[in-house]
Amino acid sequence: MGWIEFSGHCYFYNQSRSKWDDAKADCDRKTSYLIEIGDQDENDWIKEKFLPAGGSLWSGGRDDVTEGVFLWQQFQTAMSFTNWVPGEPNNGVHAQCLEIRNHGKWSDAYCTDKYSFLCEKYI
């Protein structure tokens, strides 16, 4: 599967399970970035298109600058839309990366965990 367009962005799905830093580096090599979800429509599309069989995906969200304050890493911007699992983020000191679970809800996770990931870029 190559790049797929949705709402002015292109997405590249990488099924290989990687640590967050390795996933980010792979997206960087593709002149793109780990997904940054802007609204419910994008979140639902990602859930339907890439998570129907279960599993989780890395996104570009991290809270390693200020604990509990997740930012999109590409542009260090605040999240205008969130879709956290109830009780998340639970602010674990070492759970600083944002995963998207198979039901489309978000959770903070250990950056050394291995998940598949989506790279994103503007058209």
PDB file of N, CA and C in Angstrom:
ATOM      1  N   MET A   1       0.854  -1.177   0.000  1.00  0.00           N
ATOM      2  CA  MET A   1       0.000   0.000   0.000  1.00  0.00           C
ATOM      3  C   MET A   1       0.898   1.238   0.000  1.00  0.00           C
ATOM      4  N   GLY A   2       0.617   2.163  -0.879  1.00  0.00           N
ATOM      5  CA  GLY A   2       1.390   3.397  -0.948  1.00  0.00           C
ATOM      6  C   GLY A   2       0.696   4.523  -0.194  1.00  0.00           C
ATOM      7  N   TRP A   3       0.940   5.743  -0.625  1.00  0.00           N
ATOM      8  CA  TRP A   3       0.330   6.918  -0.015  1.00  0.00           C
ATOM      9  C   TRP A   3      -1.158   6.956  -0.336  1.00  0.00           C
ATOM     10  N   ILE A   4      -1.978   7.325   0.664  1.00  0.00           N
ATOM     11  CA  ILE A   4      -3.426   7.417   0.515  1.00  0.00           C
ATOM     12  C   ILE A   4      -3.842   8.829   0.906  1.00  0.00           C
ATOM     13  N   GLU A   5      -4.683   9.445   0.076  1.00  0.00           N
ATOM     14  CA  GLU A   5      -5.113  10.824   0.321  1.00  0.00           C
ATOM     15  C   GLU A   5      -6.400  10.854   1.138  1.00  0.00           C
ATOM     16  N   PHE A   6      -6.470  11.809   2.062  1.00  0.00           N
ATOM     17  CA  PHE A   6      -7.695  12.088   2.804  1.00  0.00           C
ATOM     18  C   PHE A   6      -7.665  13.537   3.253  1.00  0.00           C
ATOM     19  N   SER A   7      -8.637  14.306   2.816  1.00  0.00           N
ATOM     20  CA  SER A   7      -8.874  15.661   3.312  1.00  0.00           C
ATOM     21  C   SER A   7      -7.630  16.564   3.270  1.00  0.00           C
ATOM     22  N   GLY A   8      -6.952  16.561   2.121  1.00  0.00           N
ATOM     23  CA  GLY A   8      -5.827  17.463   1.934  1.00  0.00           C
ATOM     24  C   GLY A   8      -4.498  16.974   2.468  1.00  0.00           C
ATOM     25  N   HIS A   9      -4.466  15.747   2.958  1.00  0.00           N
ATOM     26  CA  HIS A   9      -3.235  15.152   3.483  1.00  0.00           C
ATOM     27  C   HIS A   9      -3.027  13.797   2.818  1.00  0.00           C
ATOM     28  N   CYS A  10      -1.789  13.334   2.827  1.00  0.00           N
ATOM     29  CA  CYS A  10      -1.460  11.988   2.367  1.00  0.00           C
ATOM     30  C   CYS A  10      -0.919  11.205   3.551  1.00  0.00           C
ATOM     31  N   TYR A  11      -1.244   9.924   3.587  1.00  0.00           N
ATOM     32  CA  TYR A  11      -0.865   9.050   4.691  1.00  0.00           C
ATOM     33  C   TYR A  11      -0.168   7.812   4.146  1.00  0.00           C
ATOM     34  N   PHE A  12       0.856   7.383   4.862  1.00  0.00           N
ATOM     35  CA  PHE A  12       1.585   6.171   4.505  1.00  0.00           C
ATOM     36  C   PHE A  12       1.569   5.247   5.712  1.00  0.00           C
ATOM     37  N   TYR A  13       0.972   4.067   5.548  1.00  0.00           N
ATOM     38  CA  TYR A  13       0.850   3.105   6.641  1.00  0.00           C
ATOM     39  C   TYR A  13       2.044   2.165   6.651  1.00  0.00           C
ATOM     40  N   ASN A  14       2.702   2.078   7.791  1.00  0.00           N
ATOM     41  CA  ASN A  14       3.813   1.159   7.962  1.00  0.00           C
ATOM     42  C   ASN A  14       3.393   0.106   8.979  1.00  0.00           C
ATOM     43  N   GLN A  15       3.224  -1.129   8.520  1.00  0.00           N
ATOM     44  CA  GLN A  15       2.757  -2.208   9.387  1.00  0.00           C
ATOM     45  C   GLN A  15       3.832  -2.716  10.335  1.00  0.00           C
ATOM     46  N   SER A  16       5.097  -2.477  10.009  1.00  0.00           N
ATOM     47  CA  SER A  16       6.151  -2.977  10.889  1.00  0.00           C
ATOM     48  C   SER A  16       6.048  -2.286  12.242  1.00  0.00           C
ATOM     49  N   ARG A  17       6.274  -3.041  13.273  1.00  0.00           N
ATOM     50  CA  ARG A  17       6.165  -2.515  14.638  1.00  0.00           C
ATOM     51  C   ARG A  17       7.508  -1.903  15.026  1.00  0.00           C
ATOM     52  N   SER A  18       7.456  -0.637  15.422  1.00  0.00           N
ATOM     53  CA  SER A  18       8.675   0.109  15.732  1.00  0.00           C
ATOM     54  C   SER A  18       8.507   0.895  17.022  1.00  0.00           C
ATOM     55  N   LYS A  19       9.631   1.213  17.655  1.00  0.00           N
ATOM     56  CA  LYS A  19       9.621   2.158  18.759  1.00  0.00           C
ATOM     57  C   LYS A  19       9.283   3.533  18.189  1.00  0.00           C
ATOM     58  N   TRP A  20       8.816   4.448  19.055  1.00  0.00           N
ATOM     59  CA  TRP A  20       8.384   5.770  18.597  1.00  0.00           C
ATOM     60  C   TRP A  20       9.500   6.502  17.850  1.00  0.00           C
ATOM     61  N   ASP A  21      10.711   6.532  18.408  1.00  0.00           N
ATOM     62  CA  ASP A  21      11.821   7.250  17.764  1.00  0.00           C
ATOM     63  C   ASP A  21      12.140   6.679  16.383  1.00  0.00           C
ATOM     64  N   ASP A  22      12.074   5.362  16.245  1.00  0.00           N
ATOM     65  CA  ASP A  22      12.336   4.729  14.945  1.00  0.00           C
ATOM     66  C   ASP A  22      11.222   5.040  13.954  1.00  0.00           C
ATOM     67  N   ALA A  23       9.981   5.067  14.442  1.00  0.00           N
ATOM     68  CA  ALA A  23       8.849   5.421  13.574  1.00  0.00           C
ATOM     69  C   ALA A  23       8.987   6.865  13.094  1.00  0.00           C
ATOM     70  N   LYS A  24       9.338   7.763  13.992  1.00  0.00           N
ATOM     71  CA  LYS A  24       9.531   9.169  13.613  1.00  0.00           C
ATOM     72  C   LYS A  24      10.636   9.290  12.573  1.00  0.00           C
ATOM     73  N   ALA A  25      11.742   8.585  12.778  1.00  0.00           N
ATOM     74  CA  ALA A  25      12.860   8.642  11.833  1.00  0.00           C
ATOM     75  C   ALA A  25      12.445   8.121  10.457  1.00  0.00           C
ATOM     76  N   ASP A  26      11.625   7.078  10.424  1.00  0.00           N
ATOM     77  CA  ASP A  26      11.154   6.552   9.147  1.00  0.00           C
ATOM     78  C   ASP A  26      10.291   7.595   8.428  1.00  0.00           C
ATOM     79  N   CYS A  27       9.409   8.255   9.160  1.00  0.00           N
ATOM     80  CA  CYS A  27       8.586   9.314   8.554  1.00  0.00           C
ATOM     81  C   CYS A  27       9.463  10.468   8.073  1.00  0.00           C
ATOM     82  N   ASP A  28      10.460  10.845   8.871  1.00  0.00           N
ATOM     83  CA  ASP A  28      11.384  11.913   8.465  1.00  0.00           C
ATOM     84  C   ASP A  28      12.034  11.572   7.123  1.00  0.00           C
ATOM     85  N   ARG A  29      12.444  10.311   6.952  1.00  0.00           N
ATOM     86  CA  ARG A  29      13.072   9.891   5.693  1.00  0.00           C
ATOM     87  C   ARG A  29      12.110   9.999   4.506  1.00  0.00           C
ATOM     88  N   LYS A  30      10.814   9.948   4.795  1.00  0.00           N
ATOM     89  CA  LYS A  30       9.791  10.062   3.753  1.00  0.00           C
ATOM     90  C   LYS A  30       9.332  11.522   3.583  1.00  0.00           C
ATOM     91  N   THR A  31      10.053  12.447   4.169  1.00  0.00           N
ATOM     92  CA  THR A  31       9.698  13.870   4.159  1.00  0.00           C
ATOM     93  C   THR A  31       8.259  14.051   4.649  1.00  0.00           C
ATOM     94  N   SER A  32       7.978  13.426   5.784  1.00  0.00           N
ATOM     95  CA  SER A  32       6.651  13.479   6.392  1.00  0.00           C
ATOM     96  C   SER A  32       6.828  13.435   7.907  1.00  0.00           C
ATOM     97  N   TYR A  33       5.753  13.251   8.621  1.00  0.00           N
ATOM     98  CA  TYR A  33       5.791  13.235  10.081  1.00  0.00           C
ATOM     99  C   TYR A  33       4.761  12.240  10.604  1.00  0.00           C
ATOM    100  N   LEU A  34       4.927  11.796  11.853  1.00  0.00           N
ATOM    101  CA  LEU A  34       3.930  10.924  12.459  1.00  0.00           C
ATOM    102  C   LEU A  34       2.604  11.669  12.537  1.00  0.00           C
ATOM    103  N   ILE A  35       1.506  10.958  12.331  1.00  0.00           N
ATOM    104  CA  ILE A  35       0.189  11.582  12.215  1.00  0.00           C
ATOM    105  C   ILE A  35      -0.128  12.535  13.363  1.00  0.00           C
ATOM    106  N   GLU A  36      -0.787  13.611  12.990  1.00  0.00           N
ATOM    107  CA  GLU A  36      -1.289  14.608  13.925  1.00  0.00           C
ATOM    108  C   GLU A  36      -2.765  14.773  13.620  1.00  0.00           C
ATOM    109  N   ILE A  37      -3.614  14.275  14.483  1.00  0.00           N
ATOM    110  CA  ILE A  37      -5.057  14.203  14.222  1.00  0.00           C
ATOM    111  C   ILE A  37      -5.731  15.502  14.626  1.00  0.00           C
ATOM    112  N   GLY A  38      -6.407  16.116  13.661  1.00  0.00           N
ATOM    113  CA  GLY A  38      -6.987  17.426  13.882  1.00  0.00           C
ATOM    114  C   GLY A  38      -8.455  17.461  14.245  1.00  0.00           C
ATOM    115  N   ASP A  39      -9.197  16.370  13.952  1.00  0.00           N
ATOM    116  CA  ASP A  39     -10.630  16.389  14.242  1.00  0.00           C
ATOM    117  C   ASP A  39     -11.194  14.965  14.271  1.00  0.00           C
ATOM    118  N   GLN A  40     -12.466  14.873  14.649  1.00  0.00           N
ATOM    119  CA  GLN A  40     -13.122  13.571  14.785  1.00  0.00           C
ATOM    120  C   GLN A  40     -13.196  12.841  13.447  1.00  0.00           C
ATOM    121  N   ASP A  41     -13.435  13.562  12.349  1.00  0.00           N
ATOM    122  CA  ASP A  41     -13.514  12.910  11.038  1.00  0.00           C
ATOM    123  C   ASP A  41     -12.204  12.208  10.684  1.00  0.00           C
ATOM    124  N   GLU A  42     -11.091  12.887  10.917  1.00  0.00           N
ATOM    125  CA  GLU A  42      -9.789  12.286  10.633  1.00  0.00           C
ATOM    126  C   GLU A  42      -9.549  11.089  11.551  1.00  0.00           C
ATOM    127  N   ASN A  43      -9.884  11.234  12.828  1.00  0.00           N
ATOM    128  CA  ASN A  43      -9.717  10.142  13.773  1.00  0.00           C
ATOM    129  C   ASN A  43     -10.538   8.918  13.348  1.00  0.00           C
ATOM    130  N   ASP A  44     -11.803   9.151  12.958  1.00  0.00           N
ATOM    131  CA  ASP A  44     -12.676   8.049  12.535  1.00  0.00           C
ATOM    132  C   ASP A  44     -12.151   7.383  11.260  1.00  0.00           C
ATOM    133  N   TRP A  45     -11.661   8.182  10.315  1.00  0.00           N
ATOM    134  CA  TRP A  45     -11.123   7.641   9.067  1.00  0.00           C
ATOM    135  C   TRP A  45      -9.913   6.753   9.359  1.00  0.00           C
ATOM    136  N   ILE A  46      -9.032   7.216  10.214  1.00  0.00           N
ATOM    137  CA  ILE A  46      -7.850   6.427  10.579  1.00  0.00           C
ATOM    138  C   ILE A  46      -8.267   5.122  11.244  1.00  0.00           C
ATOM    139  N   LYS A  47      -9.226   5.200  12.157  1.00  0.00           N
ATOM    140  CA  LYS A  47      -9.710   3.997  12.842  1.00  0.00           C
ATOM    141  C   LYS A  47     -10.277   2.996  11.837  1.00  0.00           C
ATOM    142  N   GLU A  48     -11.121   3.463  10.928  1.00  0.00           N
ATOM    143  CA  GLU A  48     -11.762   2.577   9.952  1.00  0.00           C
ATOM    144  C   GLU A  48     -10.774   2.013   8.939  1.00  0.00           C
ATOM    145  N   LYS A  49      -9.853   2.833   8.493  1.00  0.00           N
ATOM    146  CA  LYS A  49      -8.942   2.457   7.406  1.00  0.00           C
ATOM    147  C   LYS A  49      -7.761   1.608   7.883  1.00  0.00           C
ATOM    148  N   PHE A  50      -7.234   1.892   9.055  1.00  0.00           N
ATOM    149  CA  PHE A  50      -5.969   1.293   9.471  1.00  0.00           C
ATOM    150  C   PHE A  50      -6.034   0.451  10.742  1.00  0.00           C
ATOM    151  N   LEU A  51      -7.152   0.473  11.454  1.00  0.00           N
ATOM    152  CA  LEU A  51      -7.213  -0.271  12.710  1.00  0.00           C
ATOM    153  C   LEU A  51      -8.360  -1.283  12.784  1.00  0.00           C
ATOM    154  N   PRO A  52      -8.867  -1.795  11.668  1.00  0.00           N
ATOM    155  CA  PRO A  52     -10.013  -2.708  11.767  1.00  0.00           C
ATOM    156  C   PRO A  52      -9.667  -4.058  12.383  1.00  0.00           C
ATOM    157  N   ALA A  53      -8.417  -4.480  12.281  1.00  0.00           N
ATOM    158  CA  ALA A  53      -8.027  -5.799  12.780  1.00  0.00           C
ATOM    159  C   ALA A  53      -7.430  -5.727  14.187  1.00  0.00           C
ATOM    160  N   GLY A  54      -7.486  -4.572  14.809  1.00  0.00           N
ATOM    161  CA  GLY A  54      -6.913  -4.444  16.140  1.00  0.00           C
ATOM    162  C   GLY A  54      -5.541  -3.810  16.092  1.00  0.00           C
ATOM    163  N   GLY A  55      -4.859  -3.877  17.195  1.00  0.00           N
ATOM    164  CA  GLY A  55      -3.538  -3.270  17.273  1.00  0.00           C
ATOM    165  C   GLY A  55      -3.616  -1.808  17.650  1.00  0.00           C
ATOM    166  N   SER A  56      -2.479  -1.163  17.590  1.00  0.00           N
ATOM    167  CA  SER A  56      -2.361   0.257  17.908  1.00  0.00           C
ATOM    168  C   SER A  56      -1.426   0.916  16.916  1.00  0.00           C
ATOM    169  N   LEU A  57      -1.497   2.233  16.845  1.00  0.00           N
ATOM    170  CA  LEU A  57      -0.630   3.030  15.975  1.00  0.00           C
ATOM    171  C   LEU A  57       0.059   4.102  16.798  1.00  0.00           C
ATOM    172  N   TRP A  58       1.286   4.416  16.423  1.00  0.00           N
ATOM    173  CA  TRP A  58       1.930   5.601  16.983  1.00  0.00           C
ATOM    174  C   TRP A  58       1.378   6.836  16.288  1.00  0.00           C
ATOM    175  N   SER A  59       1.274   7.907  17.037  1.00  0.00           N
ATOM    176  CA  SER A  59       0.978   9.228  16.484  1.00  0.00           C
ATOM    177  C   SER A  59       2.149  10.138  16.831  1.00  0.00           C
ATOM    178  N   GLY A  60       2.078  11.379  16.400  1.00  0.00           N
ATOM    179  CA  GLY A  60       3.144  12.333  16.658  1.00  0.00           C
ATOM    180  C   GLY A  60       3.029  13.066  17.977  1.00  0.00           C
ATOM    181  N   GLY A  61       2.181  12.624  18.871  1.00  0.00           N
ATOM    182  CA  GLY A  61       2.005  13.295  20.155  1.00  0.00           C
ATOM    183  C   GLY A  61       2.974  12.807  21.221  1.00  0.00           C
ATOM    184  N   ARG A  62       3.518  13.763  21.994  1.00  0.00           N
ATOM    185  CA  ARG A  62       4.411  13.445  23.122  1.00  0.00           C
ATOM    186  C   ARG A  62       4.221  14.478  24.227  1.00  0.00           C
ATOM    187  N   ASP A  63       4.562  14.085  25.446  1.00  0.00           N
ATOM    188  CA  ASP A  63       4.509  15.030  26.569  1.00  0.00           C
ATOM    189  C   ASP A  63       5.844  15.083  27.301  1.00  0.00           C
ATOM    190  N   ASP A  64       6.938  14.941  26.584  1.00  0.00           N
ATOM    191  CA  ASP A  64       8.237  14.896  27.242  1.00  0.00           C
ATOM    192  C   ASP A  64       8.802  16.271  27.592  1.00  0.00           C
ATOM    193  N   VAL A  65       8.201  17.347  27.103  1.00  0.00           N
ATOM    194  CA  VAL A  65       8.648  18.691  27.486  1.00  0.00           C
ATOM    195  C   VAL A  65       8.034  19.062  28.833  1.00  0.00           C
ATOM    196  N   THR A  66       6.711  18.946  28.946  1.00  0.00           N
ATOM    197  CA  THR A  66       5.994  19.196  30.190  1.00  0.00           C
ATOM    198  C   THR A  66       5.086  18.005  30.453  1.00  0.00           C
ATOM    199  N   GLU A  67       5.314  17.295  31.532  1.00  0.00           N
ATOM    200  CA  GLU A  67       4.535  16.111  31.852  1.00  0.00           C
ATOM    201  C   GLU A  67       3.040  16.434  31.880  1.00  0.00           C
ATOM    202  N   GLY A  68       2.264  15.637  31.127  1.00  0.00           N
ATOM    203  CA  GLY A  68       0.818  15.807  31.074  1.00  0.00           C
ATOM    204  C   GLY A  68       0.335  16.758  30.006  1.00  0.00           C
ATOM    205  N   VAL A  69       1.245  17.477  29.350  1.00  0.00           N
ATOM    206  CA  VAL A  69       0.869  18.404  28.276  1.00  0.00           C
ATOM    207  C   VAL A  69       1.369  17.809  26.956  1.00  0.00           C
ATOM    208  N   PHE A  70       0.471  17.165  26.239  1.00  0.00           N
ATOM    209  CA  PHE A  70       0.839  16.540  24.976  1.00  0.00           C
ATOM    210  C   PHE A  70       0.844  17.568  23.855  1.00  0.00           C
ATOM    211  N   LEU A  71       1.891  17.528  23.059  1.00  0.00           N
ATOM    212  CA  LEU A  71       2.050  18.405  21.896  1.00  0.00           C
ATOM    213  C   LEU A  71       2.270  17.554  20.664  1.00  0.00           C
ATOM    214  N   TRP A  72       1.830  18.079  19.522  1.00  0.00           N
ATOM    215  CA  TRP A  72       2.195  17.455  18.250  1.00  0.00           C
ATOM    216  C   TRP A  72       3.641  17.839  17.970  1.00  0.00           C
ATOM    217  N   GLN A  73       4.470  16.869  17.710  1.00  0.00           N
ATOM    218  CA  GLN A  73       5.910  17.072  17.639  1.00  0.00           C
ATOM    219  C   GLN A  73       6.389  17.814  16.392  1.00  0.00           C
ATOM    220  N   GLN A  74       5.715  17.653  15.275  1.00  0.00           N
ATOM    221  CA  GLN A  74       6.206  18.265  14.042  1.00  0.00           C
ATOM    222  C   GLN A  74       6.366  19.780  14.177  1.00  0.00           C
ATOM    223  N   PHE A  75       5.357  20.414  14.743  1.00  0.00           N
ATOM    224  CA  PHE A  75       5.389  21.874  14.863  1.00  0.00           C
ATOM    225  C   PHE A  75       5.299  22.349  16.315  1.00  0.00           C
ATOM    226  N   GLN A  76       5.409  21.408  17.278  1.00  0.00           N
ATOM    227  CA  GLN A  76       5.319  21.721  18.705  1.00  0.00           C
ATOM    228  C   GLN A  76       4.031  22.491  19.012  1.00  0.00           C
ATOM    229  N   THR A  77       2.911  22.005  18.477  1.00  0.00           N
ATOM    230  CA  THR A  77       1.632  22.677  18.647  1.00  0.00           C
ATOM    231  C   THR A  77       0.729  21.929  19.619  1.00  0.00           C
ATOM    232  N   ALA A  78      -0.144  22.693  20.278  1.00  0.00           N
ATOM    233  CA  ALA A  78      -1.128  22.109  21.181  1.00  0.00           C
ATOM    234  C   ALA A  78      -2.164  21.329  20.383  1.00  0.00           C
ATOM    235  N   MET A  79      -2.798  20.389  21.025  1.00  0.00           N
ATOM    236  CA  MET A  79      -3.817  19.568  20.384  1.00  0.00           C
ATOM    237  C   MET A  79      -5.169  20.253  20.499  1.00  0.00           C
ATOM    238  N   SER A  80      -5.765  20.592  19.363  1.00  0.00           N
ATOM    239  CA  SER A  80      -7.081  21.222  19.376  1.00  0.00           C
ATOM    240  C   SER A  80      -8.192  20.179  19.481  1.00  0.00           C
ATOM    241  N   PHE A  81      -7.883  18.940  19.160  1.00  0.00           N
ATOM    242  CA  PHE A  81      -8.817  17.819  19.261  1.00  0.00           C
ATOM    243  C   PHE A  81      -8.113  16.697  20.015  1.00  0.00           C
ATOM    244  N   THR A  82      -8.824  16.038  20.915  1.00  0.00           N
ATOM    245  CA  THR A  82      -8.297  14.852  21.594  1.00  0.00           C
ATOM    246  C   THR A  82      -9.378  13.789  21.660  1.00  0.00           C
ATOM    247  N   ASN A  83      -8.963  12.550  21.840  1.00  0.00           N
ATOM    248  CA  ASN A  83      -9.903  11.431  21.910  1.00  0.00           C
ATOM    249  C   ASN A  83      -9.371  10.383  22.899  1.00  0.00           C
ATOM    250  N   TRP A  84      -9.063  10.828  24.112  1.00  0.00           N
ATOM    251  CA  TRP A  84      -8.444   9.971  25.109  1.00  0.00           C
ATOM    252  C   TRP A  84      -9.398   8.898  25.620  1.00  0.00           C
ATOM    253  N   VAL A  85      -8.846   7.729  25.928  1.00  0.00           N
ATOM    254  CA  VAL A  85      -9.553   6.714  26.689  1.00  0.00           C
ATOM    255  C   VAL A  85      -9.864   7.350  28.045  1.00  0.00           C
ATOM    256  N   PRO A  86     -11.045   7.105  28.628  1.00  0.00           N
ATOM    257  CA  PRO A  86     -11.302   7.647  29.963  1.00  0.00           C
ATOM    258  C   PRO A  86     -10.178   7.267  30.938  1.00  0.00           C
ATOM    259  N   GLY A  87      -9.698   8.248  31.681  1.00  0.00           N
ATOM    260  CA  GLY A  87      -8.603   8.035  32.623  1.00  0.00           C
ATOM    261  C   GLY A  87      -7.221   8.258  32.029  1.00  0.00           C
ATOM    262  N   GLU A  88      -7.159   8.502  30.733  1.00  0.00           N
ATOM    263  CA  GLU A  88      -5.890   8.779  30.045  1.00  0.00           C
ATOM    264  C   GLU A  88      -5.859  10.250  29.647  1.00  0.00           C
ATOM    265  N   PRO A  89      -4.724  10.835  29.460  1.00  0.00           N
ATOM    266  CA  PRO A  89      -3.438  10.237  29.792  1.00  0.00           C
ATOM    267  C   PRO A  89      -3.305  10.118  31.307  1.00  0.00           C
ATOM    268  N   ASN A  90      -2.686   9.038  31.730  1.00  0.00           N
ATOM    269  CA  ASN A  90      -2.561   8.824  33.171  1.00  0.00           C
ATOM    270  C   ASN A  90      -1.233   9.346  33.702  1.00  0.00           C
ATOM    271  N   ASN A  91      -0.509  10.067  32.836  1.00  0.00           N
ATOM    272  CA  ASN A  91       0.691  10.803  33.237  1.00  0.00           C
ATOM    273  C   ASN A  91       1.778   9.940  33.865  1.00  0.00           C
ATOM    274  N   GLY A  92       1.902   8.726  33.384  1.00  0.00           N
ATOM    275  CA  GLY A  92       3.030   7.921  33.825  1.00  0.00           C
ATOM    276  C   GLY A  92       4.326   8.598  33.401  1.00  0.00           C
ATOM    277  N   VAL A  93       5.266   8.663  34.292  1.00  0.00           N
ATOM    278  CA  VAL A  93       6.509   9.395  34.041  1.00  0.00           C
ATOM    279  C   VAL A  93       7.203   8.915  32.771  1.00  0.00           C
ATOM    280  N   HIS A  94       7.134   7.646  32.497  1.00  0.00           N
ATOM    281  CA  HIS A  94       7.837   7.115  31.330  1.00  0.00           C
ATOM    282  C   HIS A  94       6.901   6.857  30.152  1.00  0.00           C
ATOM    283  N   ALA A  95       5.611   7.132  30.296  1.00  0.00           N
ATOM    284  CA  ALA A  95       4.641   6.944  29.216  1.00  0.00           C
ATOM    285  C   ALA A  95       4.430   8.291  28.535  1.00  0.00           C
ATOM    286  N   GLN A  96       5.342   8.625  27.620  1.00  0.00           N
ATOM    287  CA  GLN A  96       5.346   9.970  27.054  1.00  0.00           C
ATOM    288  C   GLN A  96       4.935  10.044  25.591  1.00  0.00           C
ATOM    289  N   CYS A  97       4.547   8.934  24.992  1.00  0.00           N
ATOM    290  CA  CYS A  97       4.181   8.934  23.576  1.00  0.00           C
ATOM    291  C   CYS A  97       2.715   8.552  23.422  1.00  0.00           C
ATOM    292  N   LEU A  98       2.075   9.112  22.406  1.00  0.00           N
ATOM    293  CA  LEU A  98       0.645   8.918  22.212  1.00  0.00           C
ATOM    294  C   LEU A  98       0.390   7.791  21.221  1.00  0.00           C
ATOM    295  N   GLU A  99      -0.315   6.757  21.696  1.00  0.00           N
ATOM    296  CA  GLU A  99      -0.739   5.665  20.823  1.00  0.00           C
ATOM    297  C   GLU A  99      -2.226   5.815  20.540  1.00  0.00           C
ATOM    298  N   ILE A 100      -2.635   5.366  19.365  1.00  0.00           N
ATOM    299  CA  ILE A 100      -4.046   5.312  19.011  1.00  0.00           C
ATOM    300  C   ILE A 100      -4.431   3.839  19.018  1.00  0.00           C
ATOM    301  N   ARG A 101      -5.345   3.493  19.880  1.00  0.00           N
ATOM    302  CA  ARG A 101      -5.752   2.100  20.020  1.00  0.00           C
ATOM    303  C   ARG A 101      -6.748   1.712  18.932  1.00  0.00           C
ATOM    304  N   ASN A 102      -7.018   0.412  18.839  1.00  0.00           N
ATOM    305  CA  ASN A 102      -7.838  -0.108  17.749  1.00  0.00           C
ATOM    306  C   ASN A 102      -9.254   0.448  17.724  1.00  0.00           C
ATOM    307  N   HIS A 103      -9.762   0.964  18.807  1.00  0.00           N
ATOM    308  CA  HIS A 103     -11.109   1.548  18.823  1.00  0.00           C
ATOM    309  C   HIS A 103     -11.077   3.058  18.567  1.00  0.00           C
ATOM    310  N   GLY A 104      -9.907   3.583  18.204  1.00  0.00           N
ATOM    311  CA  GLY A 104      -9.778   4.998  17.879  1.00  0.00           C
ATOM    312  C   GLY A 104      -9.536   5.897  19.065  1.00  0.00           C
ATOM    313  N   LYS A 105      -9.493   5.327  20.255  1.00  0.00           N
ATOM    314  CA  LYS A 105      -9.229   6.120  21.458  1.00  0.00           C
ATOM    315  C   LYS A 105      -7.725   6.208  21.686  1.00  0.00           C
ATOM    316  N   TRP A 106      -7.314   7.237  22.395  1.00  0.00           N
ATOM    317  CA  TRP A 106      -5.896   7.523  22.604  1.00  0.00           C
ATOM    318  C   TRP A 106      -5.447   7.146  24.015  1.00  0.00           C
ATOM    319  N   SER A 107      -4.168   6.843  24.125  1.00  0.00           N
ATOM    320  CA  SER A 107      -3.566   6.505  25.407  1.00  0.00           C
ATOM    321  C   SER A 107      -2.104   6.926  25.395  1.00  0.00           C
ATOM    322  N   ASP A 108      -1.575   7.301  26.565  1.00  0.00           N
ATOM    323  CA  ASP A 108      -0.133   7.524  26.627  1.00  0.00           C
ATOM    324  C   ASP A 108       0.531   6.158  26.805  1.00  0.00           C
ATOM    325  N   ALA A 109       1.693   6.003  26.202  1.00  0.00           N
ATOM    326  CA  ALA A 109       2.375   4.706  26.190  1.00  0.00           C
ATOM    327  C   ALA A 109       3.873   4.922  26.315  1.00  0.00           C
ATOM    328  N   TYR A 110       4.568   3.868  26.666  1.00  0.00           N
ATOM    329  CA  TYR A 110       6.030   3.912  26.715  1.00  0.00           C
ATOM    330  C   TYR A 110       6.565   4.035  25.295  1.00  0.00           C
ATOM    331  N   CYS A 111       7.436   4.980  25.064  1.00  0.00           N
ATOM    332  CA  CYS A 111       7.972   5.234  23.726  1.00  0.00           C
ATOM    333  C   CYS A 111       8.804   4.072  23.202  1.00  0.00           C
ATOM    334  N   THR A 112       9.202   3.171  24.082  1.00  0.00           N
ATOM    335  CA  THR A 112       9.975   1.995  23.669  1.00  0.00           C
ATOM    336  C   THR A 112       9.073   0.823  23.276  1.00  0.00           C
ATOM    337  N   ASP A 113       7.756   0.953  23.501  1.00  0.00           N
ATOM    338  CA  ASP A 113       6.831  -0.069  22.998  1.00  0.00           C
ATOM    339  C   ASP A 113       6.908  -0.067  21.480  1.00  0.00           C
ATOM    340  N   LYS A 114       6.456  -1.129  20.862  1.00  0.00           N
ATOM    341  CA  LYS A 114       6.522  -1.215  19.399  1.00  0.00           C
ATOM    342  C   LYS A 114       5.114  -1.326  18.812  1.00  0.00           C
ATOM    343  N   TYR A 115       4.802  -0.358  17.939  1.00  0.00           N
ATOM    344  CA  TYR A 115       3.519  -0.323  17.249  1.00  0.00           C
ATOM    345  C   TYR A 115       3.753  -0.003  15.778  1.00  0.00           C
ATOM    346  N   SER A 116       2.750  -0.307  14.967  1.00  0.00           N
ATOM    347  CA  SER A 116       2.777   0.172  13.594  1.00  0.00           C
ATOM    348  C   SER A 116       2.544   1.686  13.641  1.00  0.00           C
ATOM    349  N   PHE A 117       2.636   2.357  12.498  1.00  0.00           N
ATOM    350  CA  PHE A 117       2.507   3.812  12.521  1.00  0.00           C
ATOM    351  C   PHE A 117       2.077   4.351  11.165  1.00  0.00           C
ATOM    352  N   LEU A 118       1.596   5.583  11.197  1.00  0.00           N
ATOM    353  CA  LEU A 118       1.192   6.309   9.999  1.00  0.00           C
ATOM    354  C   LEU A 118       2.041   7.554   9.860  1.00  0.00           C
ATOM    355  N   CYS A 119       2.591   7.739   8.663  1.00  0.00           N
ATOM    356  CA  CYS A 119       3.257   8.994   8.328  1.00  0.00           C
ATOM    357  C   CYS A 119       2.242   9.867   7.603  1.00  0.00           C
ATOM    358  N   GLU A 120       2.373  11.157   7.760  1.00  0.00           N
ATOM    359  CA  GLU A 120       1.435  12.122   7.170  1.00  0.00           C
ATOM    360  C   GLU A 120       2.212  13.266   6.526  1.00  0.00           C
ATOM    361  N   LYS A 121       1.655  13.806   5.453  1.00  0.00           N
ATOM    362  CA  LYS A 121       2.191  15.026   4.861  1.00  0.00           C
ATOM    363  C   LYS A 121       1.083  15.736   4.110  1.00  0.00           C
ATOM    364  N   TYR A 122       1.274  17.037   3.945  1.00  0.00           N
ATOM    365  CA  TYR A 122       0.318  17.822   3.174  1.00  0.00           C
ATOM    366  C   TYR A 122       0.482  17.509   1.696  1.00  0.00           C
ATOM    367  N   ILE A 123      -0.607  17.604   0.978  1.00  0.00           N
ATOM    368  CA  ILE A 123      -0.558  17.395  -0.476  1.00  0.00           C
ATOM    369  C   ILE A 123       0.112  18.569  -1.122  1.00  0.00           C
TER     370      ILE A 123
END
